[in-house]
Amino acid sequence: MSRGDLPNAGNPTASAAANSRIHFAWADNSGIGKAGSEDTAILVVYCPAMQSALYTTSGATRASGGQLYDVTAFRGQLVETWLGFISADGNEVADSVFTGEIMVR
């Protein structure tokens, strides 16, 4: 979904949460290479059955360690998820990481 030289976060995961949300989580690795605490998450959720995606390029900061993302439009569907980061100044991006398939509740 994204490709660049900015380090991605450590241990990225995604899991189903209540109310049709997905919980993205990661370890804050600020200070490693170009990784900064104010880098923002790029969250991507793709629903193959609907051939549709939801995404944000202005998610939570790297330092926050996670974010709930509302995907109500995909309730009851199996989705694929990815996590990446964009630097605070918008000039650098990280390679996105596939964080798994999730059934949206």
C-alpha atoms as a PDB file:
ATOM      1  CA  MET A   1       0.000   0.000   0.000  1.00  0.00           C
ATOM      2  CA  SER A   2       2.919   2.306   0.725  1.00  0.00           C
ATOM      3  CA  ARG A   3       6.612   2.062  -0.013  1.00  0.00           C
ATOM      4  CA  GLY A   4       9.498   4.127   1.307  1.00  0.00           C
ATOM      5  CA  ASP A   5      12.556   4.427   3.545  1.00  0.00           C
ATOM      6  CA  LEU A   6      10.847   5.400   6.805  1.00  0.00           C
ATOM      7  CA  PRO A   7      10.950   2.507   9.312  1.00  0.00           C
ATOM      8  CA  ASN A   8       7.618   0.872  10.002  1.00  0.00           C
ATOM      9  CA  ALA A   9       6.626   0.287  13.633  1.00  0.00           C
ATOM     10  CA  GLY A  10       7.656  -2.782  15.576  1.00  0.00           C
ATOM     11  CA  ASN A  11       5.276  -5.731  15.988  1.00  0.00           C
ATOM     12  CA  PRO A  12       2.335  -4.374  13.957  1.00  0.00           C
ATOM     13  CA  THR A  13      -0.973  -6.178  14.518  1.00  0.00           C
ATOM     14  CA  ALA A  14      -4.650  -5.772  13.734  1.00  0.00           C
ATOM     15  CA  SER A  15      -7.573  -7.443  15.483  1.00  0.00           C
ATOM     16  CA  ALA A  16     -11.356  -7.319  15.532  1.00  0.00           C
ATOM     17  CA  ALA A  17     -12.855  -4.984  18.107  1.00  0.00           C
ATOM     18  CA  ALA A  18     -16.452  -4.307  19.166  1.00  0.00           C
ATOM     19  CA  ASN A  19     -18.819  -2.131  17.150  1.00  0.00           C
ATOM     20  CA  SER A  20     -17.317  -2.878  13.718  1.00  0.00           C
ATOM     21  CA  ARG A  21     -13.920  -1.478  14.557  1.00  0.00           C
ATOM     22  CA  ILE A  22     -10.428  -2.806  14.005  1.00  0.00           C
ATOM     23  CA  HIS A  23      -7.730  -2.311  16.597  1.00  0.00           C
ATOM     24  CA  PHE A  24      -4.365  -1.594  15.004  1.00  0.00           C
ATOM     25  CA  ALA A  25      -1.452  -1.841  17.449  1.00  0.00           C
ATOM     26  CA  TRP A  26       2.317  -1.404  17.198  1.00  0.00           C
ATOM     27  CA  ALA A  27       5.425  -0.930  19.286  1.00  0.00           C
ATOM     28  CA  ASP A  28       6.763   2.626  19.331  1.00  0.00           C
ATOM     29  CA  ASN A  29      10.205   2.505  17.761  1.00  0.00           C
ATOM     30  CA  SER A  30      10.780   6.252  17.616  1.00  0.00           C
ATOM     31  CA  GLY A  31      14.437   7.162  17.225  1.00  0.00           C
ATOM     32  CA  ILE A  32      15.347   4.114  15.161  1.00  0.00           C
ATOM     33  CA  GLY A  33      16.577   5.411  11.829  1.00  0.00           C
ATOM     34  CA  LYS A  34      14.229   8.165  10.645  1.00  0.00           C
ATOM     35  CA  ALA A  35      11.304   7.008  12.837  1.00  0.00           C
ATOM     36  CA  GLY A  36       9.802   9.898  14.795  1.00  0.00           C
ATOM     37  CA  SER A  37       7.265   9.912  17.611  1.00  0.00           C
ATOM     38  CA  GLU A  38       4.953  12.229  15.640  1.00  0.00           C
ATOM     39  CA  ASP A  39       4.857  10.071  12.475  1.00  0.00           C
ATOM     40  CA  THR A  40       1.255   9.175  11.703  1.00  0.00           C
ATOM     41  CA  ALA A  41      -0.244   5.796  10.923  1.00  0.00           C
ATOM     42  CA  ILE A  42      -1.515   4.830   7.492  1.00  0.00           C
ATOM     43  CA  LEU A  43      -4.347   2.354   8.085  1.00  0.00           C
ATOM     44  CA  VAL A  44      -5.791   0.374   5.182  1.00  0.00           C
ATOM     45  CA  VAL A  45      -8.718  -2.053   5.265  1.00  0.00           C
ATOM     46  CA  TYR A  46      -9.753  -3.809   2.046  1.00  0.00           C
ATOM     47  CA  CYS A  47     -12.905  -5.891   1.621  1.00  0.00           C
ATOM     48  CA  PRO A  48     -12.472  -8.299  -1.317  1.00  0.00           C
ATOM     49  CA  ALA A  49     -16.153  -9.258  -1.401  1.00  0.00           C
ATOM     50  CA  MET A  50     -17.185  -5.624  -1.840  1.00  0.00           C
ATOM     51  CA  GLN A  51     -14.097  -4.643  -3.864  1.00  0.00           C
ATOM     52  CA  SER A  52     -13.820  -1.592  -1.644  1.00  0.00           C
ATOM     53  CA  ALA A  53     -11.284  -0.099   0.737  1.00  0.00           C
ATOM     54  CA  LEU A  54     -11.241   2.291   3.667  1.00  0.00           C
ATOM     55  CA  TYR A  55      -8.037   4.067   4.617  1.00  0.00           C
ATOM     56  CA  THR A  56      -6.551   7.014   6.422  1.00  0.00           C
ATOM     57  CA  THR A  57      -3.185   8.686   6.006  1.00  0.00           C
ATOM     58  CA  SER A  58      -3.625  10.724   9.181  1.00  0.00           C
ATOM     59  CA  GLY A  59      -4.003   8.080  11.860  1.00  0.00           C
ATOM     60  CA  ALA A  60      -2.640   8.058  15.387  1.00  0.00           C
ATOM     61  CA  THR A  61       0.985   8.936  16.092  1.00  0.00           C
ATOM     62  CA  ARG A  62       3.732   6.337  16.250  1.00  0.00           C
ATOM     63  CA  ALA A  63       4.192   7.144  19.959  1.00  0.00           C
ATOM     64  CA  SER A  64       0.545   6.304  20.751  1.00  0.00           C
ATOM     65  CA  GLY A  65       1.056   2.607  19.988  1.00  0.00           C
ATOM     66  CA  GLY A  66      -2.345   1.975  18.464  1.00  0.00           C
ATOM     67  CA  GLN A  67      -5.686   3.111  17.119  1.00  0.00           C
ATOM     68  CA  LEU A  68      -9.258   1.904  16.750  1.00  0.00           C
ATOM     69  CA  TYR A  69     -10.527   2.303  13.190  1.00  0.00           C
ATOM     70  CA  ASP A  70     -14.247   2.291  12.382  1.00  0.00           C
ATOM     71  CA  VAL A  71     -15.101  -0.001   9.458  1.00  0.00           C
ATOM     72  CA  THR A  72     -18.886  -0.197   9.902  1.00  0.00           C
ATOM     73  CA  ALA A  73     -19.311  -0.318   6.112  1.00  0.00           C
ATOM     74  CA  PHE A  74     -17.707  -3.798   6.206  1.00  0.00           C
ATOM     75  CA  ARG A  75     -19.760  -5.293   9.071  1.00  0.00           C
ATOM     76  CA  GLY A  76     -20.031  -9.079   8.649  1.00  0.00           C
ATOM     77  CA  GLN A  77     -17.301  -9.183   5.997  1.00  0.00           C
ATOM     78  CA  LEU A  78     -13.823 -10.665   5.911  1.00  0.00           C
ATOM     79  CA  VAL A  79     -11.279  -7.886   5.341  1.00  0.00           C
ATOM     80  CA  GLU A  80      -7.535  -7.596   4.748  1.00  0.00           C
ATOM     81  CA  THR A  81      -5.502  -5.038   6.720  1.00  0.00           C
ATOM     82  CA  TRP A  82      -2.237  -3.105   6.319  1.00  0.00           C
ATOM     83  CA  LEU A  83      -0.296  -0.633   8.442  1.00  0.00           C
ATOM     84  CA  GLY A  84       2.279   1.928   7.373  1.00  0.00           C
ATOM     85  CA  PHE A  85       3.544   5.306   8.554  1.00  0.00           C
ATOM     86  CA  ILE A  86       4.074   8.771   7.125  1.00  0.00           C
ATOM     87  CA  SER A  87       6.507  11.268   8.642  1.00  0.00           C
ATOM     88  CA  ALA A  88       5.145  14.305  10.472  1.00  0.00           C
ATOM     89  CA  ASP A  89       6.327  16.570   7.639  1.00  0.00           C
ATOM     90  CA  GLY A  90       4.718  14.312   5.022  1.00  0.00           C
ATOM     91  CA  ASN A  91       7.956  13.764   3.116  1.00  0.00           C
ATOM     92  CA  GLU A  92       8.750  10.154   4.082  1.00  0.00           C
ATOM     93  CA  VAL A  93       6.689   6.966   4.116  1.00  0.00           C
ATOM     94  CA  ALA A  94       7.287   3.449   5.398  1.00  0.00           C
ATOM     95  CA  ASP A  95       6.719   0.218   3.534  1.00  0.00           C
ATOM     96  CA  SER A  96       3.284  -0.980   4.578  1.00  0.00           C
ATOM     97  CA  VAL A  97       2.983  -4.280   6.438  1.00  0.00           C
ATOM     98  CA  PHE A  98       0.161  -6.786   5.961  1.00  0.00           C
ATOM     99  CA  THR A  99      -1.473  -7.204   9.370  1.00  0.00           C
ATOM    100  CA  GLY A 100      -3.848 -10.024   8.515  1.00  0.00           C
ATOM    101  CA  GLU A 101      -7.399 -10.974   7.657  1.00  0.00           C
ATOM    102  CA  ILE A 102     -10.177 -10.081  10.075  1.00  0.00           C
ATOM    103  CA  MET A 103     -13.893 -10.798  10.264  1.00  0.00           C
ATOM    104  CA  VAL A 104     -15.583  -7.484  11.059  1.00  0.00           C
ATOM    105  CA  ARG A 105     -18.129  -7.849  13.875  1.00  0.00           C
END
